[in-house]
C-alpha cells in the first residue's frame, strides 16, 4: 500500500513536472521574439510590471491551489466528500473576493506605482494585468480541487493550454502595439502592455478548461460524509492555511520587486540614466531569470504534487511513509536542479544566441548567468522544503525563515549597490544568497521538527559528482565541435552528449534505488539499463 502510494505520488508529480517543463520551454521560446521586439528598455518595463503583478497575484490567489489541496485532501482521506466540496465552494468565494480586491488595487494604483519605481510607461501594463488577478484566483481554486484528489492531469493540461495562448497573444499583441505606436514616446510601454495582454488571455483559457472538467466530473461524484461543517470553521481553516503561504510566497516575490525598487533608486542616485537602469534590469529579469527559473519550475511542480500525499501520510500518522516520500521528492528534485545549474554556467554564452536584441550587452547577460546559475539549485531546494514543512502543518516556520533571509538579502544587495561598483552583479549575489539561506534553515527544521535524517550522499553527492563529470563532457564537446562547425551545432551536440553522460553517471553511481527507478517515468527501461551498466 505504501509503495503504491509513493508510486502514485511520483507518477502524478512527474506529470505535473513534465507540464512545468513544457510550459517553461514554451515560455522561454515565446519570450525570445518578445524580448527582441521590446528591446532591453521595454523588457525593463515589462519585468518590473510583472514583479508588481506577482505580488498582487501572491496576495490574492497563488496560495489557493495549496490551501484547497491541503484542506480538501484531509477530508477526502476520511471519505468526507460532502465537507470536501463545502471547503472547495467556500475557498472559491474567498478567492473571488481576494482576486477582486487585488484587481481594483492594481487598477487604481498603477500611476502611483509608476512614479514610485521611476519607470515611465509602467502604468499601462499594470492596468492590463489587473483583471488577470481575478481570473487566476478562481483558476487556482479549481486546480487545487483536482490536486486534492491526487489528479494532476487537469492542472498540467490547463497550464500548457494557458501558456500556449499566452505565447500566441503576447507576441502578436506586442508586435501590433509596437507597430501602431512606433512613433509614440511610450512605444516600449505599449509593447510591454501587449505582452501582458497574453497573460490575461492565457489565464482565461486555463479557467475555461478546468471549469469544463469540474462540471463534467460532478455528474459522477460521490456524496459521502457526515455532518456539514460550519462555514466559519472552514473559512478559519482556509485563512490559517493561506496566510502563512501568502507570507512565505509574498516574501519571495517582494524580494524580486524590492530588487527592482532598490536597484532603480540607488542607481539613479549614483547618476545612471533611466534608460541604462531599465536595460540592465531587463537583462537580469528577462535573460538571467528566464534561464535560472526553468529548472526551478520542476521544483514547484513537485512541491504541488507532493502536498496531498504528504498530508495523507501525516494524517495517517505513518512517520516512515512520510520520510520515504520526502526522500523520493528531494532526490528527484536535486537530480534535476544540480546538472541544470552546471549546464547553465558552462553554456551561458551559446544559450543566449537567440536574444539578438542584447547586442553589446550579451557578454553582461552571459556573465550574470555564469555567476548566478547556482540559484537554480537553492530555489529548487527552498521551494520543495517549504512545501514539505507547510504540508506537515509547520506553516509559520518557512515564513520565519523567509523573513530572516529577506532582511539579510535586502541589506546585502543595498550595501553592495551603494558601497561597491558591482552594479547589476549585486542583484545576482542577492539572488543566490536569499534561497541559500532559506534552504539551510528549512533543511535544519526538517530534522528538528520531523525527525528527518538526510541522505546527503544520495540526495546531493551523487548528483553533484555526476554533474561534474557531465560538465567535462559539456565543456569539451562544445569546444571541439565549434572548431569545425557553427556554434548552434556545437550547442546542440553538447546538450545531447551532456544528457547522455549525466544519465550514465547518475545510473552508474546508483543515485536511485531499484524500487525508486521503477516508479520514475519509463522506470522499467531505466532499471534494465542500470543493470546492464553494472556488468
Protein backbone atom coordinates (compact mmCIF):
# COMPACT_ATOMS: atom_id res chain seq x y z
CA UNK A 1 0.00 0.00 0.00
CA UNK A 2 2.81 2.39 0.93
CA UNK A 3 4.69 1.58 -2.25
CA UNK A 4 1.60 2.12 -4.37
CA UNK A 5 1.04 5.47 -2.68
CA UNK A 6 4.63 6.53 -3.29
CA UNK A 7 4.43 5.35 -6.88
CA UNK A 8 1.25 7.34 -7.47
CA UNK A 9 2.87 10.42 -5.91
CA UNK A 10 5.89 10.15 -8.20
CA UNK A 11 3.77 9.46 -11.28
CA UNK A 12 1.49 12.41 -10.58
CA UNK A 13 4.49 14.53 -9.68
CA UNK A 14 6.15 13.55 -12.94
CA UNK A 15 3.03 14.58 -14.87
CA UNK A 16 2.96 17.98 -13.22
CA UNK A 17 6.72 18.34 -13.50
CA UNK A 18 6.55 17.49 -17.21
CA UNK A 19 3.83 20.12 -17.67
CA UNK A 20 6.00 22.58 -15.78
CA UNK A 21 8.92 21.87 -18.10
CA UNK A 22 6.73 22.16 -21.21
CA UNK A 23 5.24 25.47 -20.07
CA UNK A 24 8.67 26.82 -19.20
CA UNK A 25 10.00 25.77 -22.60
CA UNK A 26 7.05 27.48 -24.29
CA UNK A 27 7.63 30.49 -22.07
CA UNK A 28 11.30 30.51 -22.98
CA UNK A 29 10.60 30.20 -26.69
CA UNK A 30 7.98 32.94 -26.90
CA UNK A 31 9.99 35.29 -24.71
CA UNK A 32 12.79 35.24 -27.30
CA UNK A 33 10.83 37.03 -30.05
CA UNK A 34 9.04 39.17 -27.50
CA UNK A 35 12.31 40.20 -25.83
CA UNK A 36 13.72 41.08 -29.23
CA UNK A 37 10.59 43.08 -30.08
CA UNK A 38 10.58 45.03 -26.82
CA UNK A 39 14.31 45.64 -26.60
CA UNK A 40 16.24 45.95 -23.34
CA UNK A 41 14.36 49.07 -22.17
CA UNK A 42 10.95 47.57 -22.99
CA UNK A 43 11.92 44.39 -21.16
CA UNK A 44 12.78 46.53 -18.16
CA UNK A 45 9.23 47.95 -18.06
CA UNK A 46 7.67 44.54 -18.70
CA UNK A 47 9.70 42.79 -15.97
CA UNK A 48 9.06 45.46 -13.34
CA UNK A 49 5.32 45.33 -14.12
CA UNK A 50 5.37 41.57 -13.68
CA UNK A 51 7.25 41.85 -10.40
CA UNK A 52 4.47 44.05 -9.00
CA UNK A 53 1.77 41.86 -10.54
CA UNK A 54 3.30 38.74 -8.97
CA UNK A 55 2.98 40.31 -5.52
CA UNK A 56 -0.69 41.09 -6.17
CA UNK A 57 -1.13 37.56 -7.51
CA UNK A 58 0.54 36.02 -4.48
CA UNK A 59 -1.61 38.02 -2.08
CA UNK A 60 -4.81 37.16 -3.93
CA UNK A 61 -4.51 33.71 -5.42
CA UNK A 62 -1.14 31.92 -5.54
CA UNK A 63 -1.86 30.24 -2.20
CA UNK A 64 -5.26 28.91 -3.31
CA UNK A 65 -4.11 25.68 -5.02
CA UNK A 66 -2.11 24.66 -1.94
CA UNK A 67 -4.80 25.79 0.53
CA UNK A 68 -7.58 23.96 -1.32
CA UNK A 69 -5.40 20.91 -1.92
CA UNK A 70 -4.36 20.66 1.72
CA UNK A 71 -7.80 21.19 3.29
CA UNK A 72 -9.80 19.18 0.75
CA UNK A 73 -7.33 16.25 0.71
CA UNK A 74 -7.57 15.94 4.50
CA UNK A 75 -11.34 15.39 4.16
CA UNK A 76 -11.02 13.15 1.12
CA UNK A 77 -8.68 10.94 3.18
CA UNK A 78 -11.61 10.48 5.63
CA UNK A 79 -14.11 9.80 2.81
CA UNK A 80 -15.90 13.00 3.79
CA UNK A 81 -16.83 14.21 0.31
CA UNK A 82 -19.65 16.49 1.48
CA UNK A 83 -17.33 18.65 3.52
CA UNK A 84 -14.60 18.41 0.90
CA UNK A 85 -16.95 20.06 -1.58
CA UNK A 86 -18.09 22.56 1.03
CA UNK A 87 -14.46 23.57 1.64
CA UNK A 88 -13.95 23.99 -2.09
CA UNK A 89 -17.01 26.24 -2.51
CA UNK A 90 -16.01 28.40 0.44
CA UNK A 91 -12.50 28.65 -0.99
CA UNK A 92 -13.93 29.77 -4.34
CA UNK A 93 -15.87 32.56 -2.62
CA UNK A 94 -12.75 33.62 -0.74
CA UNK A 95 -10.71 33.59 -3.96
CA UNK A 96 -13.26 35.74 -5.77
CA UNK A 97 -13.15 38.34 -3.02
CA UNK A 98 -9.35 38.40 -2.84
CA UNK A 99 -8.98 38.48 -6.62
CA UNK A 100 -11.42 41.38 -6.96
CA UNK A 101 -9.61 43.38 -4.29
CA UNK A 102 -6.20 42.82 -5.95
CA UNK A 103 -7.58 43.79 -9.37
CA UNK A 104 -9.02 47.07 -8.06
CA UNK A 105 -5.79 47.86 -6.17
CA UNK A 106 -3.66 47.38 -9.29
CA UNK A 107 -6.06 49.34 -11.47
CA UNK A 108 -6.27 52.35 -9.15
CA UNK A 109 -2.64 52.28 -8.02
CA UNK A 110 -0.95 51.99 -11.41
CA UNK A 111 0.01 55.67 -11.73
CA UNK A 112 1.38 55.84 -8.20
CA UNK A 113 3.49 52.73 -8.75
CA UNK A 114 4.88 54.18 -11.99
CA UNK A 115 6.15 57.21 -10.08
CA UNK A 116 7.46 55.12 -7.17
CA UNK A 117 9.55 52.85 -9.39
CA UNK A 118 10.84 55.63 -11.68
CA UNK A 119 9.58 53.69 -14.72
CA UNK A 120 7.77 55.88 -17.28
CA UNK A 121 5.06 53.83 -19.01
CA UNK A 122 4.72 51.26 -16.18
CA UNK A 123 1.07 52.10 -15.50
CA UNK A 124 -0.19 50.80 -18.86
CA UNK A 125 0.86 47.12 -18.49
CA UNK A 126 -0.22 47.18 -14.83
CA UNK A 127 -3.77 48.15 -15.80
CA UNK A 128 -3.97 45.26 -18.26
CA UNK A 129 -2.63 42.84 -15.64
CA UNK A 130 -5.23 43.97 -13.07
CA UNK A 131 -8.16 41.73 -14.18
CA UNK A 132 -5.78 38.79 -14.55
CA UNK A 133 -5.51 38.53 -10.76
CA UNK A 134 -9.26 37.93 -10.56
CA UNK A 135 -9.18 35.17 -13.20
CA UNK A 136 -6.12 33.42 -11.75
CA UNK A 137 -7.63 33.43 -8.24
CA UNK A 138 -10.56 31.34 -9.44
CA UNK A 139 -8.36 29.17 -11.66
CA UNK A 140 -6.12 28.27 -8.71
CA UNK A 141 -9.11 27.12 -6.67
CA UNK A 142 -10.18 24.60 -9.31
CA UNK A 143 -6.64 23.35 -9.75
CA UNK A 144 -6.40 22.79 -6.01
CA UNK A 145 -9.60 20.71 -6.10
CA UNK A 146 -8.18 18.28 -8.65
CA UNK A 147 -4.78 18.13 -6.90
CA UNK A 148 -6.51 17.27 -3.62
CA UNK A 149 -7.92 14.17 -5.32
CA UNK A 150 -4.44 13.14 -6.48
CA UNK A 151 -5.18 14.09 -10.09
CA UNK A 152 -2.53 16.40 -11.53
CA UNK A 153 -3.63 15.96 -15.16
CA UNK A 154 -6.18 18.84 -15.23
CA UNK A 155 -3.63 21.21 -13.72
CA UNK A 156 -0.96 20.03 -16.13
CA UNK A 157 -3.10 20.36 -19.27
CA UNK A 158 -4.57 23.69 -18.20
CA UNK A 159 -1.06 25.05 -17.60
CA UNK A 160 0.03 24.01 -21.08
CA UNK A 161 -3.09 25.46 -22.73
CA UNK A 162 -2.68 28.64 -20.71
CA UNK A 163 0.92 29.05 -21.78
CA UNK A 164 0.21 28.34 -25.46
CA UNK A 165 -2.47 31.03 -25.55
CA UNK A 166 -0.23 33.34 -23.55
CA UNK A 167 2.61 32.88 -26.02
CA UNK A 168 0.47 33.46 -29.11
CA UNK A 169 -1.36 36.54 -27.85
CA UNK A 170 1.69 38.07 -26.14
CA UNK A 171 3.87 38.07 -29.24
CA UNK A 172 1.06 39.12 -31.57
CA UNK A 173 -0.19 41.92 -29.31
CA UNK A 174 3.32 43.19 -28.53
CA UNK A 175 4.17 43.28 -32.25
CA UNK A 176 0.93 45.01 -33.23
CA UNK A 177 1.07 47.63 -30.48
CA UNK A 178 4.75 48.34 -31.13
CA UNK A 179 3.90 48.81 -34.81
CA UNK A 180 0.86 51.01 -34.20
CA UNK A 181 2.61 53.21 -31.61
CA UNK A 182 6.08 53.14 -33.19
CA UNK A 183 6.25 56.95 -33.29
CA UNK A 184 4.99 57.37 -29.72
CA UNK A 185 7.28 58.26 -26.84
CA UNK A 186 5.67 55.36 -24.95
CA UNK A 187 6.23 52.72 -27.66
CA UNK A 188 8.07 50.46 -25.18
CA UNK A 189 5.19 50.74 -22.70
CA UNK A 190 2.65 49.74 -25.35
CA UNK A 191 4.82 46.77 -26.31
CA UNK A 192 5.02 45.68 -22.68
CA UNK A 193 1.24 46.08 -22.40
CA UNK A 194 0.81 43.78 -25.38
CA UNK A 195 2.88 41.14 -23.62
CA UNK A 196 0.72 41.38 -20.51
CA UNK A 197 -2.44 41.01 -22.61
CA UNK A 198 -1.28 37.48 -23.41
CA UNK A 199 -1.12 36.69 -19.70
CA UNK A 200 -4.80 37.58 -19.33
CA UNK A 201 -5.81 35.57 -22.41
CA UNK A 202 -3.89 32.53 -21.17
CA UNK A 203 -5.48 32.66 -17.71
CA UNK A 204 -8.97 32.83 -19.23
CA UNK A 205 -8.17 29.80 -21.42
CA UNK A 206 -6.97 27.77 -18.43
CA UNK A 207 -10.05 28.69 -16.41
CA UNK A 208 -12.47 27.66 -19.16
CA UNK A 209 -10.74 24.28 -19.42
CA UNK A 210 -10.81 23.43 -15.68
CA UNK A 211 -14.41 24.65 -15.41
CA UNK A 212 -15.41 22.21 -18.14
CA UNK A 213 -13.64 19.30 -16.41
CA UNK A 214 -15.03 20.20 -13.00
CA UNK A 215 -18.67 20.33 -14.04
CA UNK A 216 -18.31 17.14 -16.06
CA UNK A 217 -16.76 15.31 -13.09
CA UNK A 218 -19.57 16.38 -10.72
CA UNK A 219 -22.04 14.17 -12.54
CA UNK A 220 -20.14 11.16 -11.23
CA UNK A 221 -19.13 12.47 -7.82
CA UNK A 222 -19.94 10.75 -4.53
CA UNK A 223 -21.73 12.40 -1.62
CA UNK A 224 -20.22 10.51 1.28
CA UNK A 225 -19.64 12.23 4.62
CA UNK A 226 -21.20 13.07 7.93
CA UNK A 227 -22.43 16.36 9.36
CA UNK A 228 -21.64 19.50 7.44
CA UNK A 229 -19.00 21.76 8.96
CA UNK A 230 -19.76 25.37 9.76
CA UNK A 231 -18.73 27.93 7.15
CA UNK A 232 -16.97 29.95 9.84
CA UNK A 233 -14.84 26.92 10.76
CA UNK A 234 -13.91 26.28 7.14
CA UNK A 235 -13.02 29.92 6.47
CA UNK A 236 -10.89 29.94 9.58
CA UNK A 237 -9.01 26.82 8.47
CA UNK A 238 -8.54 28.21 4.97
CA UNK A 239 -7.25 31.53 6.25
CA UNK A 240 -4.90 29.82 8.71
CA UNK A 241 -3.53 27.83 5.77
CA UNK A 242 -3.47 30.72 3.31
CA UNK A 243 -1.84 33.35 5.50
CA UNK A 244 1.49 31.56 6.12
CA UNK A 245 1.66 30.50 2.45
CA UNK A 246 0.88 34.05 1.34
CA UNK A 247 3.53 35.42 3.66
CA UNK A 248 6.22 32.98 2.53
CA UNK A 249 5.43 33.37 -1.18
CA UNK A 250 4.99 37.13 -0.86
CA UNK A 251 8.40 37.39 0.69
CA UNK A 252 9.84 35.59 -2.34
CA UNK A 253 8.04 37.98 -4.70
CA UNK A 254 8.83 41.03 -2.57
CA UNK A 255 12.47 40.07 -2.91
CA UNK A 256 12.21 40.45 -6.69
CA UNK A 257 10.31 43.72 -6.70
CA UNK A 258 12.41 45.15 -3.85
CA UNK A 259 15.43 44.45 -6.01
CA UNK A 260 13.77 46.45 -8.81
CA UNK A 261 12.95 49.28 -6.40
CA UNK A 262 16.33 49.38 -4.64
CA UNK A 263 18.32 48.96 -7.86
CA UNK A 264 16.39 51.66 -9.73
CA UNK A 265 16.58 54.24 -6.95
CA UNK A 266 20.19 53.65 -5.87
CA UNK A 267 21.45 53.60 -9.46
CA UNK A 268 19.53 56.84 -10.12
CA UNK A 269 21.18 58.43 -7.06
CA UNK A 270 24.55 57.35 -8.43
CA UNK A 271 23.86 59.21 -11.69
CA UNK A 272 22.74 56.41 -14.04
CA UNK A 273 20.01 57.25 -16.55
CA UNK A 274 16.57 55.61 -16.54
CA UNK A 275 17.35 54.02 -19.90
CA UNK A 276 20.56 52.37 -18.68
CA UNK A 277 18.88 51.14 -15.49
CA UNK A 278 15.91 49.73 -17.43
CA UNK A 279 18.25 47.94 -19.85
CA UNK A 280 20.22 46.27 -17.04
CA UNK A 281 17.03 45.35 -15.19
CA UNK A 282 15.65 43.95 -18.42
CA UNK A 283 18.68 41.65 -18.79
CA UNK A 284 18.55 40.48 -15.17
CA UNK A 285 14.78 39.94 -15.09
CA UNK A 286 14.47 38.50 -18.59
CA UNK A 287 17.50 36.54 -19.81
CA UNK A 288 19.01 35.67 -16.42
CA UNK A 289 15.81 34.86 -14.51
CA UNK A 290 14.25 33.12 -17.50
CA UNK A 291 17.14 30.65 -17.68
CA UNK A 292 17.51 30.10 -13.94
CA UNK A 293 13.79 29.58 -13.37
CA UNK A 294 13.50 26.82 -15.97
CA UNK A 295 14.74 24.02 -13.65
CA UNK A 296 13.05 25.69 -10.66
CA UNK A 297 9.70 25.03 -12.36
CA UNK A 298 10.26 21.32 -11.73
CA UNK A 299 10.63 22.02 -8.00
CA UNK A 300 7.40 24.00 -7.98
CA UNK A 301 5.58 21.20 -9.78
CA UNK A 302 6.95 18.52 -7.46
CA UNK A 303 6.04 20.64 -4.44
CA UNK A 304 2.43 20.99 -5.56
CA UNK A 305 2.09 17.30 -6.35
CA UNK A 306 3.71 16.14 -3.11
CA UNK A 307 1.45 18.03 -0.73
CA UNK A 308 -1.68 15.78 -0.86
CA UNK A 309 0.41 12.63 -0.41
CA UNK A 310 2.42 14.15 2.43
CA UNK A 311 -0.79 15.34 4.11
CA UNK A 312 -2.24 11.83 3.84
CA UNK A 313 0.84 10.30 5.45
CA UNK A 314 0.74 12.91 8.21
CA UNK A 315 -2.98 12.28 8.85
CA UNK A 316 -2.35 8.51 8.93
CA UNK A 317 0.49 9.02 11.40
CA UNK A 318 2.92 6.99 9.31
CA UNK A 319 6.30 8.57 10.01
CA UNK A 320 8.22 6.01 7.96
CA UNK A 321 5.98 6.57 4.94
CA UNK A 322 6.29 10.34 5.37
CA UNK A 323 10.09 10.16 5.40
CA UNK A 324 10.14 7.89 2.37
CA UNK A 325 8.02 10.33 0.38
CA UNK A 326 10.18 13.27 1.42
CA UNK A 327 13.33 11.41 0.34
CA UNK A 328 11.86 10.45 -3.03
CA UNK A 329 10.85 14.02 -3.86
CA UNK A 330 14.09 15.61 -2.66
CA UNK A 331 16.29 13.16 -4.52
CA UNK A 332 14.50 13.57 -7.85
CA UNK A 333 14.41 17.33 -7.33
CA UNK A 334 18.16 17.66 -6.84
CA UNK A 335 18.92 15.18 -9.62
CA UNK A 336 17.33 17.71 -11.99
CA UNK A 337 18.39 21.04 -10.46
CA UNK A 338 22.11 20.38 -9.94
CA UNK A 339 23.05 19.40 -13.53
CA UNK A 340 20.83 22.20 -14.82
CA UNK A 341 22.87 24.76 -12.86
CA UNK A 342 26.14 23.31 -14.17
CA UNK A 343 24.88 23.38 -17.75
CA UNK A 344 23.69 26.98 -17.45
CA UNK A 345 27.10 28.10 -16.20
CA UNK A 346 29.11 26.28 -18.88
CA UNK A 347 26.88 27.12 -21.85
CA UNK A 348 25.86 30.64 -20.84
CA UNK A 349 27.18 32.33 -23.99
CA UNK A 350 25.79 29.96 -26.66
CA UNK A 351 22.44 29.59 -24.89
CA UNK A 352 21.81 33.33 -25.27
CA UNK A 353 22.32 33.42 -29.04
CA UNK A 354 18.57 33.78 -29.88
CA UNK A 355 18.35 37.06 -27.93
CA UNK A 356 19.56 39.28 -30.74
CA UNK A 357 18.28 42.43 -29.00
CA UNK A 358 21.02 42.09 -26.37
CA UNK A 359 23.57 43.49 -28.77
CA UNK A 360 26.64 44.81 -26.95
CA UNK A 361 25.15 43.71 -23.61
CA UNK A 362 25.29 39.99 -24.49
CA UNK A 363 28.59 39.45 -22.57
CA UNK A 364 26.99 41.04 -19.50
CA UNK A 365 23.97 38.71 -19.71
CA UNK A 366 26.20 35.64 -20.10
CA UNK A 367 28.39 36.73 -17.20
CA UNK A 368 25.33 37.16 -14.97
CA UNK A 369 24.19 33.64 -15.84
CA UNK A 370 27.62 32.15 -15.12
CA UNK A 371 27.84 33.99 -11.80
CA UNK A 372 24.36 33.14 -10.54
CA UNK A 373 23.43 29.76 -12.05
CA UNK A 374 23.67 28.09 -8.62
CA UNK A 375 20.50 29.98 -7.64
CA UNK A 376 18.58 27.29 -9.58
CA UNK A 377 19.67 24.67 -7.03
CA UNK A 378 18.83 26.74 -3.98
CA UNK A 379 15.46 27.97 -5.27
CA UNK A 380 14.52 24.38 -6.11
CA UNK A 381 15.54 23.17 -2.65
CA UNK A 382 13.91 26.06 -0.77
CA UNK A 383 10.67 25.62 -2.73
CA UNK A 384 10.32 21.91 -2.06
CA UNK A 385 11.34 22.09 1.61
CA UNK A 386 8.89 24.95 2.19
CA UNK A 387 6.07 22.85 0.70
CA UNK A 388 7.03 19.84 2.85
CA UNK A 389 7.07 21.83 6.09
CA UNK A 390 3.78 23.59 5.36
CA UNK A 391 2.19 20.31 4.24
CA UNK A 392 3.12 18.90 7.66
CA UNK A 393 1.36 21.81 9.42
CA UNK A 394 4.51 23.79 10.21
CA UNK A 395 3.06 26.77 8.42
CA UNK A 396 4.92 29.55 10.22
CA UNK A 397 8.38 28.01 10.06
CA UNK A 398 9.19 28.72 6.38
CA UNK A 399 7.69 32.20 6.75
CA UNK A 400 10.08 32.99 9.58
CA UNK A 401 12.96 31.65 7.52
CA UNK A 402 11.95 33.78 4.54
CA UNK A 403 11.72 36.92 6.69
CA UNK A 404 15.20 36.37 8.09
CA UNK A 405 16.63 35.65 4.65
CA UNK A 406 14.88 38.61 3.03
CA UNK A 407 16.20 41.03 5.65
CA UNK A 408 19.75 39.81 5.04
CA UNK A 409 19.17 39.84 1.27
CA UNK A 410 17.94 43.45 1.16
CA UNK A 411 20.74 44.72 3.41
CA UNK A 412 23.36 42.85 1.39
CA UNK A 413 22.03 43.94 -2.01
CA UNK A 414 21.58 47.59 -1.00
CA UNK A 415 25.03 47.65 0.60
CA UNK A 416 26.71 46.17 -2.45
CA UNK A 417 24.90 48.60 -4.76
CA UNK A 418 25.77 51.66 -2.68
CA UNK A 419 29.31 50.90 -1.49
CA UNK A 420 30.69 49.00 -4.48
CA UNK A 421 30.72 49.31 -8.26
CA UNK A 422 29.22 45.83 -8.79
CA UNK A 423 26.03 47.28 -10.26
CA UNK A 424 23.71 44.58 -11.59
CA UNK A 425 26.02 41.86 -10.22
CA UNK A 426 24.84 42.86 -6.75
CA UNK A 427 21.38 41.64 -7.76
CA UNK A 428 22.82 38.27 -8.78
CA UNK A 429 24.68 37.86 -5.48
CA UNK A 430 21.49 38.64 -3.60
CA UNK A 431 19.55 36.27 -5.84
CA UNK A 432 21.82 33.40 -4.78
CA UNK A 433 22.13 34.17 -1.07
CA UNK A 434 18.39 34.53 -0.42
CA UNK A 435 17.30 30.98 -1.41
CA UNK A 436 20.53 29.58 0.02
CA UNK A 437 19.68 30.90 3.48
CA UNK A 438 16.06 29.72 3.22
CA UNK A 439 17.24 26.26 2.17
CA UNK A 440 19.68 25.93 5.07
CA UNK A 441 17.08 26.99 7.62
CA UNK A 442 14.38 24.75 6.10
CA UNK A 443 16.68 21.73 6.00
CA UNK A 444 17.51 22.19 9.67
CA UNK A 445 13.80 22.35 10.51
CA UNK A 446 13.08 19.11 8.64
CA UNK A 447 15.49 17.40 11.03
CA UNK A 448 14.26 19.12 14.17
CA UNK A 449 10.50 19.05 13.60
CA UNK A 450 10.01 15.89 11.53
CA UNK A 451 12.95 13.84 12.76
CA UNK A 452 14.06 13.50 9.15
CA UNK A 453 17.54 12.08 8.50
CA UNK A 454 19.21 13.44 5.40
CA UNK A 455 20.71 11.07 2.84
CA UNK A 456 23.43 13.56 1.92
CA UNK A 457 25.37 11.22 -0.35
CA UNK A 458 22.44 10.04 -2.49
CA UNK A 459 20.48 13.29 -2.43
CA UNK A 460 23.29 15.77 -3.09
CA UNK A 461 26.62 13.95 -3.50
CA UNK A 462 25.80 11.64 -6.40
CA UNK A 463 24.01 14.31 -8.49
CA UNK A 464 26.91 16.71 -7.84
CA UNK A 465 29.60 14.20 -8.86
CA UNK A 466 27.54 13.18 -11.90
CA UNK A 467 27.04 16.82 -12.87
CA UNK A 468 30.79 17.46 -12.55
CA UNK A 469 31.51 14.58 -14.93
CA UNK A 470 28.80 15.86 -17.25
CA UNK A 471 30.41 19.32 -17.10
CA UNK A 472 33.67 17.97 -18.51
CA UNK A 473 31.75 16.44 -21.42
CA UNK A 474 29.80 19.68 -21.92
CA UNK A 475 32.89 21.88 -21.96
CA UNK A 476 35.00 19.56 -24.11
CA UNK A 477 32.35 18.65 -26.67
CA UNK A 478 31.28 22.24 -27.27
CA UNK A 479 34.81 23.45 -27.88
CA UNK A 480 35.73 20.54 -30.11
CA UNK A 481 32.64 20.76 -32.29
CA UNK A 482 32.80 24.55 -32.66
CA UNK A 483 36.32 24.27 -34.06
CA UNK A 484 34.76 22.92 -37.25
CA UNK A 485 31.04 23.74 -37.13
CA UNK A 486 28.83 26.74 -36.18
CA UNK A 487 28.15 27.50 -32.52
CA UNK A 488 24.49 26.47 -32.83
CA UNK A 489 25.51 22.98 -33.95
CA UNK A 490 28.06 22.81 -31.16
CA UNK A 491 25.38 23.74 -28.64
CA UNK A 492 23.00 21.04 -29.89
CA UNK A 493 25.70 18.35 -29.89
CA UNK A 494 26.95 19.40 -26.49
CA UNK A 495 23.47 19.26 -24.96
CA UNK A 496 22.81 15.77 -26.33
CA UNK A 497 26.16 14.42 -25.13
CA UNK A 498 25.70 16.10 -21.74
CA UNK A 499 22.31 14.47 -21.17
CA UNK A 500 23.72 11.07 -22.15
CA UNK A 501 26.78 11.49 -19.90
CA UNK A 502 24.72 12.61 -16.91
CA UNK A 503 22.21 9.81 -17.40
CA UNK A 504 25.01 7.26 -17.50
CA UNK A 505 26.70 8.61 -14.38
CA UNK A 506 23.54 9.03 -12.31
CA UNK A 507 22.58 5.40 -13.03
CA UNK A 508 26.09 4.01 -12.68
CA UNK A 509 26.57 5.67 -9.30
CA UNK A 510 23.22 4.34 -8.02
CA UNK A 511 21.56 7.61 -7.11
CA UNK A 512 18.17 5.86 -7.09
CA UNK A 513 17.33 2.51 -5.55
CA UNK A 514 15.77 -0.12 -7.82
CA UNK A 515 12.32 0.49 -6.35
CA UNK A 516 12.64 4.24 -6.96
CA UNK A 517 13.77 3.72 -10.55
CA UNK A 518 10.67 1.63 -11.26
CA UNK A 519 8.47 4.48 -10.12
CA UNK A 520 10.04 7.07 -12.43
CA UNK A 521 8.75 7.66 -15.98
CA UNK A 522 9.98 4.73 -18.14
CA UNK A 523 11.20 3.23 -14.89
CA UNK A 524 11.41 -0.39 -16.07
CA UNK A 525 13.60 0.60 -19.00
CA UNK A 526 15.81 2.70 -16.75
CA UNK A 527 16.18 -0.21 -14.33
CA UNK A 528 17.17 -2.59 -17.14
CA UNK A 529 19.69 -0.05 -18.38
CA UNK A 530 21.12 0.40 -14.87
CA UNK A 531 21.55 -3.37 -14.54
CA UNK A 532 23.41 -3.51 -17.87
CA UNK A 533 25.76 -0.75 -16.76
CA UNK A 534 26.69 -2.78 -13.66
CA UNK A 535 28.01 -5.65 -15.77
